[in-house]
């Protein structure tokens, strides 16, 4: 998937990030209990890393641009792209995985 217009890309990224937080909206009473569970934090970090890697490798975005789009520091964006390997070929692959909800 190639998105030529930056506004459309940012809109889709916002949609994908909302999917990451969907569980929190559907289960508000469990969120505080789950905040301490390492597995949940690892899943969130994993998917943020995958989005970062796709932006970096597929769309040639800089760490600063990734950080701005994903609302994190550029240092975190850099660390995520170094610490993880890219498992998905596109943002759609991540979206499908999140919609299946197998990890939640």
PDB file of N, CA and C in Angstrom:
ATOM      1  N   UNK A   1       0.840  -1.174   0.000  1.00  0.00           N
ATOM      2  CA  UNK A   1       0.000   0.000   0.000  1.00  0.00           C
ATOM      3  C   UNK A   1       0.881   1.231   0.000  1.00  0.00           C
ATOM      4  N   UNK A   2       0.663   2.104  -0.941  1.00  0.00           N
ATOM      5  CA  UNK A   2       1.362   3.374  -0.959  1.00  0.00           C
ATOM      6  C   UNK A   2       0.334   4.475  -0.844  1.00  0.00           C
ATOM      7  N   UNK A   3       0.548   5.321   0.120  1.00  0.00           N
ATOM      8  CA  UNK A   3      -0.337   6.456   0.315  1.00  0.00           C
ATOM      9  C   UNK A   3       0.465   7.689  -0.062  1.00  0.00           C
ATOM     10  N   UNK A   4       0.021   8.377  -1.089  1.00  0.00           N
ATOM     11  CA  UNK A   4       0.779   9.500  -1.598  1.00  0.00           C
ATOM     12  C   UNK A   4       0.514  10.781  -0.810  1.00  0.00           C
ATOM     13  N   UNK A   5      -0.638  10.912  -0.238  1.00  0.00           N
ATOM     14  CA  UNK A   5      -0.979  12.140   0.466  1.00  0.00           C
ATOM     15  C   UNK A   5      -0.708  11.972   1.963  1.00  0.00           C
ATOM     16  N   UNK A   6       0.125  12.863   2.536  1.00  0.00           N
ATOM     17  CA  UNK A   6       0.476  12.753   3.958  1.00  0.00           C
ATOM     18  C   UNK A   6      -0.737  12.816   4.888  1.00  0.00           C
ATOM     19  N   UNK A   7      -1.743  13.618   4.540  1.00  0.00           N
ATOM     20  CA  UNK A   7      -2.920  13.732   5.400  1.00  0.00           C
ATOM     21  C   UNK A   7      -3.679  12.414   5.471  1.00  0.00           C
ATOM     22  N   UNK A   8      -3.786  11.737   4.337  1.00  0.00           N
ATOM     23  CA  UNK A   8      -4.486  10.451   4.326  1.00  0.00           C
ATOM     24  C   UNK A   8      -3.696   9.416   5.126  1.00  0.00           C
ATOM     25  N   UNK A   9      -2.373   9.442   5.005  1.00  0.00           N
ATOM     26  CA  UNK A   9      -1.518   8.518   5.752  1.00  0.00           C
ATOM     27  C   UNK A   9      -1.686   8.752   7.259  1.00  0.00           C
ATOM     28  N   UNK A  10      -1.670  10.018   7.661  1.00  0.00           N
ATOM     29  CA  UNK A  10      -1.823  10.334   9.080  1.00  0.00           C
ATOM     30  C   UNK A  10      -3.198   9.904   9.580  1.00  0.00           C
ATOM     31  N   UNK A  11      -4.218  10.070   8.730  1.00  0.00           N
ATOM     32  CA  UNK A  11      -5.571   9.650   9.095  1.00  0.00           C
ATOM     33  C   UNK A  11      -5.628   8.139   9.315  1.00  0.00           C
ATOM     34  N   UNK A  12      -4.983   7.373   8.431  1.00  0.00           N
ATOM     35  CA  UNK A  12      -4.976   5.923   8.584  1.00  0.00           C
ATOM     36  C   UNK A  12      -4.173   5.507   9.809  1.00  0.00           C
ATOM     37  N   UNK A  13      -3.066   6.174  10.084  1.00  0.00           N
ATOM     38  CA  UNK A  13      -2.278   5.848  11.268  1.00  0.00           C
ATOM     39  C   UNK A  13      -3.076   6.105  12.538  1.00  0.00           C
ATOM     40  N   UNK A  14      -3.817   7.194  12.539  1.00  0.00           N
ATOM     41  CA  UNK A  14      -4.668   7.485  13.691  1.00  0.00           C
ATOM     42  C   UNK A  14      -5.682   6.373  13.894  1.00  0.00           C
ATOM     43  N   UNK A  15      -6.253   5.890  12.801  1.00  0.00           N
ATOM     44  CA  UNK A  15      -7.221   4.787  12.865  1.00  0.00           C
ATOM     45  C   UNK A  15      -6.564   3.530  13.444  1.00  0.00           C
ATOM     46  N   UNK A  16      -5.348   3.227  12.998  1.00  0.00           N
ATOM     47  CA  UNK A  16      -4.644   2.043  13.492  1.00  0.00           C
ATOM     48  C   UNK A  16      -4.317   2.170  14.979  1.00  0.00           C
ATOM     49  N   UNK A  17      -3.923   3.360  15.404  1.00  0.00           N
ATOM     50  CA  UNK A  17      -3.619   3.555  16.821  1.00  0.00           C
ATOM     51  C   UNK A  17      -4.869   3.432  17.677  1.00  0.00           C
ATOM     52  N   UNK A  18      -5.995   3.854  17.143  1.00  0.00           N
ATOM     53  CA  UNK A  18      -7.254   3.690  17.871  1.00  0.00           C
ATOM     54  C   UNK A  18      -7.572   2.211  18.076  1.00  0.00           C
ATOM     55  N   UNK A  19      -7.217   1.389  17.099  1.00  0.00           N
ATOM     56  CA  UNK A  19      -7.420  -0.051  17.242  1.00  0.00           C
ATOM     57  C   UNK A  19      -6.600  -0.600  18.399  1.00  0.00           C
ATOM     58  N   UNK A  20      -5.395  -0.045  18.591  1.00  0.00           N
ATOM     59  CA  UNK A  20      -4.567  -0.504  19.696  1.00  0.00           C
ATOM     60  C   UNK A  20      -5.240  -0.252  21.046  1.00  0.00           C
ATOM     61  N   UNK A  21      -5.986   0.834  21.133  1.00  0.00           N
ATOM     62  CA  UNK A  21      -6.641   1.189  22.390  1.00  0.00           C
ATOM     63  C   UNK A  21      -8.084   0.705  22.481  1.00  0.00           C
ATOM     64  N   UNK A  22      -8.545  -0.020  21.475  1.00  0.00           N
ATOM     65  CA  UNK A  22      -9.935  -0.472  21.453  1.00  0.00           C
ATOM     66  C   UNK A  22     -10.272  -1.326  22.667  1.00  0.00           C
ATOM     67  N   UNK A  23      -9.365  -2.175  23.073  1.00  0.00           N
ATOM     68  CA  UNK A  23      -9.619  -3.025  24.228  1.00  0.00           C
ATOM     69  C   UNK A  23      -9.921  -2.182  25.465  1.00  0.00           C
ATOM     70  N   UNK A  24      -9.193  -1.087  25.631  1.00  0.00           N
ATOM     71  CA  UNK A  24      -9.395  -0.221  26.790  1.00  0.00           C
ATOM     72  C   UNK A  24     -10.801   0.366  26.812  1.00  0.00           C
ATOM     73  N   UNK A  25     -11.343   0.674  25.642  1.00  0.00           N
ATOM     74  CA  UNK A  25     -12.683   1.231  25.577  1.00  0.00           C
ATOM     75  C   UNK A  25     -13.754   0.179  25.862  1.00  0.00           C
ATOM     76  N   UNK A  26     -13.530  -1.039  25.451  1.00  0.00           N
ATOM     77  CA  UNK A  26     -14.529  -2.088  25.638  1.00  0.00           C
ATOM     78  C   UNK A  26     -14.498  -2.693  27.039  1.00  0.00           C
ATOM     79  N   UNK A  27     -13.380  -2.532  27.732  1.00  0.00           N
ATOM     80  CA  UNK A  27     -13.239  -3.118  29.066  1.00  0.00           C
ATOM     81  C   UNK A  27     -12.657  -2.098  30.049  1.00  0.00           C
ATOM     82  N   UNK A  28     -13.371  -0.999  30.292  1.00  0.00           N
ATOM     83  CA  UNK A  28     -12.804   0.073  31.129  1.00  0.00           C
ATOM     84  C   UNK A  28     -12.516  -0.348  32.571  1.00  0.00           C
ATOM     85  N   UNK A  29     -13.277  -1.295  33.124  1.00  0.00           N
ATOM     86  CA  UNK A  29     -13.043  -1.692  34.509  1.00  0.00           C
ATOM     87  C   UNK A  29     -11.788  -2.539  34.662  1.00  0.00           C
ATOM     88  N   UNK A  30     -11.359  -3.174  33.585  1.00  0.00           N
ATOM     89  CA  UNK A  30     -10.188  -4.034  33.653  1.00  0.00           C
ATOM     90  C   UNK A  30      -8.894  -3.306  33.306  1.00  0.00           C
ATOM     91  N   UNK A  31      -8.989  -2.100  32.780  1.00  0.00           N
ATOM     92  CA  UNK A  31      -7.796  -1.403  32.305  1.00  0.00           C
ATOM     93  C   UNK A  31      -6.797  -1.180  33.426  1.00  0.00           C
ATOM     94  N   UNK A  32      -7.257  -0.710  34.568  1.00  0.00           N
ATOM     95  CA  UNK A  32      -6.316  -0.443  35.656  1.00  0.00           C
ATOM     96  C   UNK A  32      -5.653  -1.721  36.152  1.00  0.00           C
ATOM     97  N   UNK A  33      -6.409  -2.818  36.171  1.00  0.00           N
ATOM     98  CA  UNK A  33      -5.837  -4.099  36.588  1.00  0.00           C
ATOM     99  C   UNK A  33      -4.799  -4.587  35.586  1.00  0.00           C
ATOM    100  N   UNK A  34      -5.060  -4.354  34.317  1.00  0.00           N
ATOM    101  CA  UNK A  34      -4.187  -4.864  33.275  1.00  0.00           C
ATOM    102  C   UNK A  34      -2.958  -3.984  33.043  1.00  0.00           C
ATOM    103  N   UNK A  35      -2.967  -2.776  33.572  1.00  0.00           N
ATOM    104  CA  UNK A  35      -1.851  -1.861  33.331  1.00  0.00           C
ATOM    105  C   UNK A  35      -0.534  -2.443  33.822  1.00  0.00           C
ATOM    106  N   UNK A  36      -0.592  -3.278  34.837  1.00  0.00           N
ATOM    107  CA  UNK A  36       0.620  -3.853  35.402  1.00  0.00           C
ATOM    108  C   UNK A  36       1.027  -5.173  34.748  1.00  0.00           C
ATOM    109  N   UNK A  37       0.240  -5.663  33.879  1.00  0.00           N
ATOM    110  CA  UNK A  37       0.553  -6.942  33.251  1.00  0.00           C
ATOM    111  C   UNK A  37       1.554  -6.713  32.121  1.00  0.00           C
ATOM    112  N   UNK A  38       2.689  -7.323  32.244  1.00  0.00           N
ATOM    113  CA  UNK A  38       3.762  -7.129  31.271  1.00  0.00           C
ATOM    114  C   UNK A  38       3.361  -7.558  29.867  1.00  0.00           C
ATOM    115  N   UNK A  39       2.585  -8.600  29.763  1.00  0.00           N
ATOM    116  CA  UNK A  39       2.163  -9.100  28.452  1.00  0.00           C
ATOM    117  C   UNK A  39       1.431  -8.032  27.642  1.00  0.00           C
ATOM    118  N   UNK A  40       0.551  -7.303  28.274  1.00  0.00           N
ATOM    119  CA  UNK A  40      -0.222  -6.268  27.585  1.00  0.00           C
ATOM    120  C   UNK A  40       0.689  -5.147  27.103  1.00  0.00           C
ATOM    121  N   UNK A  41       1.616  -4.743  27.948  1.00  0.00           N
ATOM    122  CA  UNK A  41       2.558  -3.696  27.549  1.00  0.00           C
ATOM    123  C   UNK A  41       3.450  -4.177  26.417  1.00  0.00           C
ATOM    124  N   UNK A  42       3.834  -5.442  26.460  1.00  0.00           N
ATOM    125  CA  UNK A  42       4.660  -5.999  25.392  1.00  0.00           C
ATOM    126  C   UNK A  42       3.915  -6.001  24.063  1.00  0.00           C
ATOM    127  N   UNK A  43       2.628  -6.341  24.076  1.00  0.00           N
ATOM    128  CA  UNK A  43       1.826  -6.328  22.839  1.00  0.00           C
ATOM    129  C   UNK A  43       1.751  -4.920  22.256  1.00  0.00           C
ATOM    130  N   UNK A  44       1.489  -3.963  23.097  1.00  0.00           N
ATOM    131  CA  UNK A  44       1.388  -2.571  22.627  1.00  0.00           C
ATOM    132  C   UNK A  44       2.729  -2.128  22.043  1.00  0.00           C
ATOM    133  N   UNK A  45       3.805  -2.412  22.735  1.00  0.00           N
ATOM    134  CA  UNK A  45       5.131  -2.047  22.259  1.00  0.00           C
ATOM    135  C   UNK A  45       5.442  -2.744  20.941  1.00  0.00           C
ATOM    136  N   UNK A  46       5.072  -4.007  20.844  1.00  0.00           N
ATOM    137  CA  UNK A  46       5.316  -4.771  19.620  1.00  0.00           C
ATOM    138  C   UNK A  46       4.624  -4.128  18.420  1.00  0.00           C
ATOM    139  N   UNK A  47       3.339  -3.796  18.568  1.00  0.00           N
ATOM    140  CA  UNK A  47       2.608  -3.219  17.447  1.00  0.00           C
ATOM    141  C   UNK A  47       3.098  -1.811  17.122  1.00  0.00           C
ATOM    142  N   UNK A  48       3.472  -1.030  18.106  1.00  0.00           N
ATOM    143  CA  UNK A  48       4.065   0.277  17.833  1.00  0.00           C
ATOM    144  C   UNK A  48       5.383   0.111  17.082  1.00  0.00           C
ATOM    145  N   UNK A  49       6.151  -0.901  17.462  1.00  0.00           N
ATOM    146  CA  UNK A  49       7.405  -1.175  16.758  1.00  0.00           C
ATOM    147  C   UNK A  49       7.131  -1.578  15.316  1.00  0.00           C
ATOM    148  N   UNK A  50       6.122  -2.400  15.100  1.00  0.00           N
ATOM    149  CA  UNK A  50       5.802  -2.829  13.746  1.00  0.00           C
ATOM    150  C   UNK A  50       5.357  -1.648  12.874  1.00  0.00           C
ATOM    151  N   UNK A  51       4.542  -0.769  13.431  1.00  0.00           N
ATOM    152  CA  UNK A  51       4.120   0.424  12.694  1.00  0.00           C
ATOM    153  C   UNK A  51       5.337   1.303  12.410  1.00  0.00           C
ATOM    154  N   UNK A  52       6.204   1.468  13.392  1.00  0.00           N
ATOM    155  CA  UNK A  52       7.416   2.272  13.221  1.00  0.00           C
ATOM    156  C   UNK A  52       8.305   1.695  12.128  1.00  0.00           C
ATOM    157  N   UNK A  53       8.475   0.384  12.135  1.00  0.00           N
ATOM    158  CA  UNK A  53       9.311  -0.262  11.121  1.00  0.00           C
ATOM    159  C   UNK A  53       8.736  -0.089   9.715  1.00  0.00           C
ATOM    160  N   UNK A  54       7.433  -0.207   9.580  1.00  0.00           N
ATOM    161  CA  UNK A  54       6.812  -0.022   8.272  1.00  0.00           C
ATOM    162  C   UNK A  54       6.991   1.420   7.799  1.00  0.00           C
ATOM    163  N   UNK A  55       6.796   2.374   8.706  1.00  0.00           N
ATOM    164  CA  UNK A  55       6.989   3.777   8.342  1.00  0.00           C
ATOM    165  C   UNK A  55       8.440   4.053   7.955  1.00  0.00           C
ATOM    166  N   UNK A  56       9.357   3.447   8.681  1.00  0.00           N
ATOM    167  CA  UNK A  56      10.778   3.664   8.427  1.00  0.00           C
ATOM    168  C   UNK A  56      11.238   2.969   7.146  1.00  0.00           C
ATOM    169  N   UNK A  57      10.907   1.699   6.997  1.00  0.00           N
ATOM    170  CA  UNK A  57      11.396   0.914   5.861  1.00  0.00           C
ATOM    171  C   UNK A  57      10.576   1.105   4.584  1.00  0.00           C
ATOM    172  N   UNK A  58       9.255   1.131   4.695  1.00  0.00           N
ATOM    173  CA  UNK A  58       8.402   1.184   3.515  1.00  0.00           C
ATOM    174  C   UNK A  58       8.147   2.609   3.017  1.00  0.00           C
ATOM    175  N   UNK A  59       8.112   3.568   3.961  1.00  0.00           N
ATOM    176  CA  UNK A  59       7.767   4.940   3.595  1.00  0.00           C
ATOM    177  C   UNK A  59       8.918   5.926   3.804  1.00  0.00           C
ATOM    178  N   UNK A  60      10.087   5.422   4.198  1.00  0.00           N
ATOM    179  CA  UNK A  60      11.290   6.224   4.392  1.00  0.00           C
ATOM    180  C   UNK A  60      11.049   7.449   5.283  1.00  0.00           C
ATOM    181  N   UNK A  61      10.307   7.250   6.349  1.00  0.00           N
ATOM    182  CA  UNK A  61      10.063   8.325   7.305  1.00  0.00           C
ATOM    183  C   UNK A  61      11.230   8.389   8.294  1.00  0.00           C
ATOM    184  N   UNK A  62      11.564   9.577   8.731  1.00  0.00           N
ATOM    185  CA  UNK A  62      12.644   9.743   9.708  1.00  0.00           C
ATOM    186  C   UNK A  62      12.125   9.406  11.106  1.00  0.00           C
ATOM    187  N   UNK A  63      13.050   9.250  12.038  1.00  0.00           N
ATOM    188  CA  UNK A  63      12.650   8.978  13.424  1.00  0.00           C
ATOM    189  C   UNK A  63      11.804  10.125  13.977  1.00  0.00           C
ATOM    190  N   UNK A  64      12.145  11.343  13.608  1.00  0.00           N
ATOM    191  CA  UNK A  64      11.373  12.503  14.070  1.00  0.00           C
ATOM    192  C   UNK A  64       9.946  12.452  13.513  1.00  0.00           C
ATOM    193  N   UNK A  65       9.804  12.102  12.244  1.00  0.00           N
ATOM    194  CA  UNK A  65       8.477  12.022  11.639  1.00  0.00           C
ATOM    195  C   UNK A  65       7.659  10.895  12.261  1.00  0.00           C
ATOM    196  N   UNK A  66       8.301   9.767  12.487  1.00  0.00           N
ATOM    197  CA  UNK A  66       7.613   8.635  13.128  1.00  0.00           C
ATOM    198  C   UNK A  66       7.166   9.025  14.523  1.00  0.00           C
ATOM    199  N   UNK A  67       8.057   9.660  15.264  1.00  0.00           N
ATOM    200  CA  UNK A  67       7.742  10.079  16.628  1.00  0.00           C
ATOM    201  C   UNK A  67       6.551  11.025  16.648  1.00  0.00           C
ATOM    202  N   UNK A  68       6.521  11.943  15.715  1.00  0.00           N
ATOM    203  CA  UNK A  68       5.424  12.901  15.649  1.00  0.00           C
ATOM    204  C   UNK A  68       4.108  12.202  15.309  1.00  0.00           C
ATOM    205  N   UNK A  69       4.139  11.289  14.349  1.00  0.00           N
ATOM    206  CA  UNK A  69       2.913  10.587  13.944  1.00  0.00           C
ATOM    207  C   UNK A  69       2.375   9.682  15.043  1.00  0.00           C
ATOM    208  N   UNK A  70       3.276   9.039  15.784  1.00  0.00           N
ATOM    209  CA  UNK A  70       2.853   8.066  16.790  1.00  0.00           C
ATOM    210  C   UNK A  70       2.863   8.627  18.210  1.00  0.00           C
ATOM    211  N   UNK A  71       3.123   9.918  18.321  1.00  0.00           N
ATOM    212  CA  UNK A  71       3.085  10.605  19.615  1.00  0.00           C
ATOM    213  C   UNK A  71       4.042   9.971  20.621  1.00  0.00           C
ATOM    214  N   UNK A  72       5.302   9.896  20.230  1.00  0.00           N
ATOM    215  CA  UNK A  72       6.348   9.369  21.107  1.00  0.00           C
ATOM    216  C   UNK A  72       7.617  10.163  20.844  1.00  0.00           C
ATOM    217  N   UNK A  73       8.651   9.896  21.608  1.00  0.00           N
ATOM    218  CA  UNK A  73       9.917  10.582  21.376  1.00  0.00           C
ATOM    219  C   UNK A  73      10.647   9.946  20.198  1.00  0.00           C
ATOM    220  N   UNK A  74      11.502  10.722  19.558  1.00  0.00           N
ATOM    221  CA  UNK A  74      12.272  10.182  18.434  1.00  0.00           C
ATOM    222  C   UNK A  74      13.240   9.108  18.928  1.00  0.00           C
ATOM    223  N   UNK A  75      13.667   9.226  20.155  1.00  0.00           N
ATOM    224  CA  UNK A  75      14.544   8.210  20.754  1.00  0.00           C
ATOM    225  C   UNK A  75      13.812   6.870  20.865  1.00  0.00           C
ATOM    226  N   UNK A  76      12.559   6.912  21.280  1.00  0.00           N
ATOM    227  CA  UNK A  76      11.746   5.700  21.378  1.00  0.00           C
ATOM    228  C   UNK A  76      11.512   5.103  19.998  1.00  0.00           C
ATOM    229  N   UNK A  77      11.208   5.961  19.030  1.00  0.00           N
ATOM    230  CA  UNK A  77      10.992   5.477  17.657  1.00  0.00           C
ATOM    231  C   UNK A  77      12.248   4.785  17.143  1.00  0.00           C
ATOM    232  N   UNK A  78      13.393   5.360  17.396  1.00  0.00           N
ATOM    233  CA  UNK A  78      14.658   4.761  16.954  1.00  0.00           C
ATOM    234  C   UNK A  78      14.888   3.414  17.644  1.00  0.00           C
ATOM    235  N   UNK A  79      14.649   3.386  18.948  1.00  0.00           N
ATOM    236  CA  UNK A  79      14.851   2.152  19.711  1.00  0.00           C
ATOM    237  C   UNK A  79      13.938   1.037  19.213  1.00  0.00           C
ATOM    238  N   UNK A  80      12.691   1.372  18.902  1.00  0.00           N
ATOM    239  CA  UNK A  80      11.748   0.364  18.413  1.00  0.00           C
ATOM    240  C   UNK A  80      12.184  -0.203  17.072  1.00  0.00           C
ATOM    241  N   UNK A  81      12.722   0.632  16.203  1.00  0.00           N
ATOM    242  CA  UNK A  81      13.150   0.138  14.891  1.00  0.00           C
ATOM    243  C   UNK A  81      14.426  -0.688  14.979  1.00  0.00           C
ATOM    244  N   UNK A  82      15.198  -0.491  16.021  1.00  0.00           N
ATOM    245  CA  UNK A  82      16.432  -1.259  16.212  1.00  0.00           C
ATOM    246  C   UNK A  82      16.163  -2.572  16.947  1.00  0.00           C
ATOM    247  N   UNK A  83      15.300  -2.522  17.956  1.00  0.00           N
ATOM    248  CA  UNK A  83      15.077  -3.682  18.834  1.00  0.00           C
ATOM    249  C   UNK A  83      14.181  -4.764  18.230  1.00  0.00           C
ATOM    250  N   UNK A  84      13.385  -4.420  17.230  1.00  0.00           N
ATOM    251  CA  UNK A  84      12.428  -5.373  16.662  1.00  0.00           C
ATOM    252  C   UNK A  84      12.726  -5.616  15.191  1.00  0.00           C
ATOM    253  N   UNK A  85      12.302  -6.787  14.703  1.00  0.00           N
ATOM    254  CA  UNK A  85      12.363  -7.101  13.280  1.00  0.00           C
ATOM    255  C   UNK A  85      10.971  -6.881  12.694  1.00  0.00           C
ATOM    256  N   UNK A  86      10.921  -6.497  11.436  1.00  0.00           N
ATOM    257  CA  UNK A  86       9.648  -6.239  10.776  1.00  0.00           C
ATOM    258  C   UNK A  86       8.974  -7.562  10.428  1.00  0.00           C
ATOM    259  N   UNK A  87       7.789  -7.783  11.004  1.00  0.00           N
ATOM    260  CA  UNK A  87       7.015  -9.003  10.777  1.00  0.00           C
ATOM    261  C   UNK A  87       5.870  -8.807   9.789  1.00  0.00           C
ATOM    262  N   UNK A  88       5.525  -7.565   9.505  1.00  0.00           N
ATOM    263  CA  UNK A  88       4.405  -7.259   8.621  1.00  0.00           C
ATOM    264  C   UNK A  88       4.919  -6.501   7.406  1.00  0.00           C
ATOM    265  N   UNK A  89       4.279  -6.737   6.265  1.00  0.00           N
ATOM    266  CA  UNK A  89       4.691  -6.063   5.046  1.00  0.00           C
ATOM    267  C   UNK A  89       3.987  -4.741   4.813  1.00  0.00           C
ATOM    268  N   UNK A  90       2.859  -4.545   5.502  1.00  0.00           N
ATOM    269  CA  UNK A  90       2.086  -3.322   5.283  1.00  0.00           C
ATOM    270  C   UNK A  90       1.289  -2.983   6.538  1.00  0.00           C
ATOM    271  N   UNK A  91       0.756  -1.774   6.538  1.00  0.00           N
ATOM    272  CA  UNK A  91      -0.097  -1.358   7.653  1.00  0.00           C
ATOM    273  C   UNK A  91      -1.392  -2.163   7.678  1.00  0.00           C
ATOM    274  N   UNK A  92      -1.851  -2.609   6.502  1.00  0.00           N
ATOM    275  CA  UNK A  92      -3.066  -3.421   6.447  1.00  0.00           C
ATOM    276  C   UNK A  92      -2.884  -4.745   7.189  1.00  0.00           C
ATOM    277  N   UNK A  93      -1.694  -5.318   7.109  1.00  0.00           N
ATOM    278  CA  UNK A  93      -1.412  -6.565   7.822  1.00  0.00           C
ATOM    279  C   UNK A  93      -1.556  -6.392   9.324  1.00  0.00           C
ATOM    280  N   UNK A  94      -1.068  -5.268   9.816  1.00  0.00           N
ATOM    281  CA  UNK A  94      -1.202  -4.971  11.250  1.00  0.00           C
ATOM    282  C   UNK A  94      -2.676  -4.788  11.601  1.00  0.00           C
ATOM    283  N   UNK A  95      -3.389  -4.066  10.750  1.00  0.00           N
ATOM    284  CA  UNK A  95      -4.816  -3.820  11.002  1.00  0.00           C
ATOM    285  C   UNK A  95      -5.593  -5.125  11.070  1.00  0.00           C
ATOM    286  N   UNK A  96      -5.330  -6.035  10.163  1.00  0.00           N
ATOM    287  CA  UNK A  96      -6.010  -7.334  10.176  1.00  0.00           C
ATOM    288  C   UNK A  96      -5.717  -8.087  11.464  1.00  0.00           C
ATOM    289  N   UNK A  97      -4.470  -8.072  11.880  1.00  0.00           N
ATOM    290  CA  UNK A  97      -4.080  -8.762  13.112  1.00  0.00           C
ATOM    291  C   UNK A  97      -4.792  -8.163  14.323  1.00  0.00           C
ATOM    292  N   UNK A  98      -4.880  -6.842  14.369  1.00  0.00           N
ATOM    293  CA  UNK A  98      -5.551  -6.180  15.486  1.00  0.00           C
ATOM    294  C   UNK A  98      -7.054  -6.435  15.462  1.00  0.00           C
ATOM    295  N   UNK A  99      -7.633  -6.504  14.277  1.00  0.00           N
ATOM    296  CA  UNK A  99      -9.071  -6.770  14.190  1.00  0.00           C
ATOM    297  C   UNK A  99      -9.399  -8.192  14.609  1.00  0.00           C
ATOM    298  N   UNK A 100      -8.485  -9.123  14.346  1.00  0.00           N
ATOM    299  CA  UNK A 100      -8.699 -10.499  14.792  1.00  0.00           C
ATOM    300  C   UNK A 100      -8.664 -10.585  16.304  1.00  0.00           C
ATOM    301  N   UNK A 101      -7.896  -9.725  16.931  1.00  0.00           N
ATOM    302  CA  UNK A 101      -7.884  -9.632  18.384  1.00  0.00           C
ATOM    303  C   UNK A 101      -7.314 -10.842  19.089  1.00  0.00           C
ATOM    304  N   UNK A 102      -6.528 -11.641  18.414  1.00  0.00           N
ATOM    305  CA  UNK A 102      -6.016 -12.865  19.023  1.00  0.00           C
ATOM    306  C   UNK A 102      -5.112 -12.598  20.222  1.00  0.00           C
ATOM    307  N   UNK A 103      -4.388 -11.493  20.187  1.00  0.00           N
ATOM    308  CA  UNK A 103      -3.470 -11.195  21.275  1.00  0.00           C
ATOM    309  C   UNK A 103      -4.146 -10.521  22.458  1.00  0.00           C
ATOM    310  N   UNK A 104      -5.382 -10.107  22.283  1.00  0.00           N
ATOM    311  CA  UNK A 104      -6.038  -9.416  23.377  1.00  0.00           C
ATOM    312  C   UNK A 104      -6.868 -10.395  24.150  1.00  0.00           C
TER     313      UNK A 104
END
